[in-house]
Amino acid sequence: MDTAKPLVGLLGAGVVVFLVGALVSLVATTLLGPYGTVAGAVVLLVVGSLVVAIGVGARGSAWLDNPGYW
């Protein structure tokens, strides 16, 4: 019996539960707090920076082929 598939599924379910809990906590404590507008702006800035960094990093994989990097 292949035990990896149920473990991977369980891990995936755990990640989903963790993400939902983190989002609920973010909304309930940070965005609905007294500094909700500023907190929302910071969250958008962080998410936007992350998306830009992923986009820049995904543009090319030439650095992976550079043996001097490794």
N, C-alpha and C. Protein backbone atom coordinates (compact mmCIF):
# COMPACT_ATOMS: atom_id res chain seq x y z
N MET A 1 0.84 -1.19 0.00
CA MET A 1 0.00 0.00 0.00
C MET A 1 0.89 1.26 0.00
N ASP A 2 0.55 2.18 -0.82
CA ASP A 2 1.31 3.41 -0.92
C ASP A 2 0.83 4.38 0.16
N THR A 3 1.67 4.63 1.13
CA THR A 3 1.26 5.51 2.24
C THR A 3 1.56 6.98 1.97
N ALA A 4 2.24 7.27 0.88
CA ALA A 4 2.59 8.67 0.60
C ALA A 4 1.37 9.49 0.20
N LYS A 5 0.46 8.90 -0.58
CA LYS A 5 -0.70 9.67 -1.05
C LYS A 5 -1.58 10.15 0.09
N PRO A 6 -1.94 9.31 1.06
CA PRO A 6 -2.75 9.84 2.17
C PRO A 6 -2.01 10.88 3.00
N LEU A 7 -0.70 10.71 3.16
CA LEU A 7 0.06 11.69 3.93
C LEU A 7 0.15 13.03 3.21
N VAL A 8 0.32 12.98 1.90
CA VAL A 8 0.35 14.23 1.13
C VAL A 8 -1.01 14.91 1.18
N GLY A 9 -2.07 14.14 1.07
CA GLY A 9 -3.42 14.71 1.18
C GLY A 9 -3.67 15.32 2.55
N LEU A 10 -3.20 14.64 3.59
CA LEU A 10 -3.34 15.16 4.94
C LEU A 10 -2.54 16.44 5.13
N LEU A 11 -1.34 16.48 4.57
CA LEU A 11 -0.52 17.68 4.63
C LEU A 11 -1.19 18.83 3.88
N GLY A 12 -1.74 18.54 2.71
CA GLY A 12 -2.45 19.57 1.95
C GLY A 12 -3.64 20.11 2.71
N ALA A 13 -4.40 19.23 3.34
CA ALA A 13 -5.55 19.67 4.14
C ALA A 13 -5.09 20.52 5.31
N GLY A 14 -3.98 20.14 5.93
CA GLY A 14 -3.45 20.93 7.03
C GLY A 14 -3.02 22.31 6.60
N VAL A 15 -2.42 22.41 5.42
CA VAL A 15 -2.01 23.71 4.90
C VAL A 15 -3.23 24.58 4.63
N VAL A 16 -4.27 23.99 4.06
CA VAL A 16 -5.50 24.75 3.79
C VAL A 16 -6.12 25.24 5.09
N VAL A 17 -6.19 24.39 6.10
CA VAL A 17 -6.74 24.80 7.40
C VAL A 17 -5.91 25.92 8.00
N PHE A 18 -4.59 25.80 7.91
CA PHE A 18 -3.71 26.84 8.43
C PHE A 18 -3.93 28.17 7.71
N LEU A 19 -4.03 28.14 6.38
CA LEU A 19 -4.23 29.37 5.61
C LEU A 19 -5.56 30.03 5.92
N VAL A 20 -6.60 29.23 6.05
CA VAL A 20 -7.92 29.79 6.39
C VAL A 20 -7.88 30.42 7.78
N GLY A 21 -7.25 29.74 8.72
CA GLY A 21 -7.12 30.31 10.06
C GLY A 21 -6.32 31.59 10.07
N ALA A 22 -5.25 31.64 9.28
CA ALA A 22 -4.43 32.85 9.21
C ALA A 22 -5.22 34.01 8.61
N LEU A 23 -6.00 33.73 7.57
CA LEU A 23 -6.82 34.78 6.96
C LEU A 23 -7.89 35.29 7.92
N VAL A 24 -8.53 34.38 8.63
CA VAL A 24 -9.54 34.78 9.61
C VAL A 24 -8.90 35.63 10.70
N SER A 25 -7.75 35.22 11.18
CA SER A 25 -7.04 35.99 12.20
C SER A 25 -6.62 37.35 11.68
N LEU A 26 -6.14 37.41 10.44
CA LEU A 26 -5.74 38.68 9.85
C LEU A 26 -6.91 39.65 9.77
N VAL A 27 -8.03 39.15 9.30
CA VAL A 27 -9.21 40.02 9.16
C VAL A 27 -9.76 40.42 10.52
N ALA A 28 -9.89 39.45 11.41
CA ALA A 28 -10.55 39.70 12.70
C ALA A 28 -9.73 40.62 13.61
N THR A 29 -8.42 40.45 13.62
CA THR A 29 -7.63 41.22 14.59
C THR A 29 -6.92 42.42 13.99
N THR A 30 -6.50 42.32 12.75
CA THR A 30 -5.69 43.39 12.16
C THR A 30 -6.53 44.37 11.35
N LEU A 31 -7.24 43.85 10.38
CA LEU A 31 -7.96 44.74 9.46
C LEU A 31 -9.20 45.36 10.07
N LEU A 32 -9.76 44.73 11.09
CA LEU A 32 -10.94 45.30 11.74
C LEU A 32 -10.58 46.05 13.02
N GLY A 33 -9.30 46.24 13.28
CA GLY A 33 -8.85 46.95 14.46
C GLY A 33 -8.89 48.45 14.27
N PRO A 34 -8.36 49.17 15.23
CA PRO A 34 -8.41 50.64 15.16
C PRO A 34 -7.56 51.23 14.03
N TYR A 35 -6.59 50.49 13.56
CA TYR A 35 -5.73 50.97 12.48
C TYR A 35 -5.94 50.13 11.23
N GLY A 36 -7.17 49.81 10.93
CA GLY A 36 -7.50 48.92 9.84
C GLY A 36 -7.07 49.42 8.47
N THR A 37 -7.22 50.71 8.23
CA THR A 37 -6.85 51.26 6.92
C THR A 37 -5.34 51.18 6.70
N VAL A 38 -4.59 51.55 7.71
CA VAL A 38 -3.13 51.50 7.60
C VAL A 38 -2.67 50.05 7.49
N ALA A 39 -3.28 49.17 8.29
CA ALA A 39 -2.91 47.76 8.23
C ALA A 39 -3.23 47.17 6.86
N GLY A 40 -4.36 47.56 6.29
CA GLY A 40 -4.72 47.09 4.96
C GLY A 40 -3.73 47.57 3.91
N ALA A 41 -3.27 48.81 4.05
CA ALA A 41 -2.28 49.34 3.12
C ALA A 41 -0.96 48.57 3.23
N VAL A 42 -0.57 48.24 4.44
CA VAL A 42 0.67 47.48 4.64
C VAL A 42 0.54 46.08 4.06
N VAL A 43 -0.61 45.45 4.27
CA VAL A 43 -0.84 44.11 3.72
C VAL A 43 -0.79 44.16 2.20
N LEU A 44 -1.42 45.16 1.60
CA LEU A 44 -1.38 45.29 0.15
C LEU A 44 0.04 45.55 -0.36
N LEU A 45 0.81 46.35 0.37
CA LEU A 45 2.19 46.62 0.00
C LEU A 45 3.03 45.35 0.05
N VAL A 46 2.86 44.56 1.09
CA VAL A 46 3.63 43.31 1.22
C VAL A 46 3.24 42.33 0.12
N VAL A 47 1.94 42.17 -0.12
CA VAL A 47 1.48 41.23 -1.15
C VAL A 47 1.94 41.71 -2.53
N GLY A 48 1.84 43.01 -2.78
CA GLY A 48 2.29 43.55 -4.06
C GLY A 48 3.79 43.35 -4.27
N SER A 49 4.57 43.58 -3.22
CA SER A 49 6.02 43.38 -3.32
C SER A 49 6.34 41.91 -3.58
N LEU A 50 5.61 41.02 -2.94
CA LEU A 50 5.83 39.59 -3.13
C LEU A 50 5.51 39.18 -4.57
N VAL A 51 4.41 39.70 -5.11
CA VAL A 51 4.02 39.38 -6.48
C VAL A 51 5.07 39.91 -7.47
N VAL A 52 5.55 41.12 -7.24
CA VAL A 52 6.58 41.69 -8.12
C VAL A 52 7.87 40.87 -8.03
N ALA A 53 8.26 40.49 -6.83
CA ALA A 53 9.48 39.69 -6.68
C ALA A 53 9.34 38.33 -7.36
N ILE A 54 8.18 37.72 -7.26
CA ILE A 54 7.96 36.44 -7.94
C ILE A 54 8.02 36.65 -9.45
N GLY A 55 7.42 37.73 -9.93
CA GLY A 55 7.44 38.01 -11.36
C GLY A 55 8.84 38.26 -11.88
N VAL A 56 9.64 39.00 -11.14
CA VAL A 56 11.02 39.27 -11.55
C VAL A 56 11.84 37.99 -11.51
N GLY A 57 11.64 37.19 -10.49
CA GLY A 57 12.39 35.95 -10.37
C GLY A 57 11.99 34.92 -11.41
N ALA A 58 10.75 34.97 -11.87
CA ALA A 58 10.28 33.98 -12.83
C ALA A 58 10.58 34.39 -14.27
N ARG A 59 11.10 35.59 -14.47
CA ARG A 59 11.37 36.05 -15.84
C ARG A 59 12.40 35.21 -16.55
N GLY A 60 13.36 34.76 -15.85
CA GLY A 60 14.40 33.97 -16.50
C GLY A 60 15.06 33.03 -15.53
N SER A 61 15.56 31.97 -16.05
CA SER A 61 16.25 31.01 -15.19
C SER A 61 17.73 30.94 -15.55
N ALA A 62 18.27 32.01 -16.11
CA ALA A 62 19.68 32.01 -16.49
C ALA A 62 20.58 31.87 -15.28
N TRP A 63 20.14 32.39 -14.14
CA TRP A 63 20.96 32.27 -12.94
C TRP A 63 21.08 30.83 -12.49
N LEU A 64 20.12 29.99 -12.84
CA LEU A 64 20.22 28.58 -12.49
C LEU A 64 21.29 27.88 -13.30
N ASP A 65 21.49 28.33 -14.53
CA ASP A 65 22.48 27.73 -15.41
C ASP A 65 23.90 28.24 -15.15
N ASN A 66 24.04 29.23 -14.30
CA ASN A 66 25.34 29.83 -14.02
C ASN A 66 26.07 28.95 -13.00
N PRO A 67 27.13 28.24 -13.41
CA PRO A 67 27.82 27.37 -12.44
C PRO A 67 28.56 28.16 -11.36
N GLY A 68 28.87 29.42 -11.63
CA GLY A 68 29.54 30.24 -10.64
C GLY A 68 28.63 30.61 -9.49
N TYR A 69 27.32 30.60 -9.72
CA TYR A 69 26.38 30.93 -8.66
C TYR A 69 26.37 29.86 -7.59
N TRP A 70 26.47 28.62 -8.03
CA TRP A 70 26.40 27.50 -7.09
C TRP A 70 27.78 27.14 -6.61
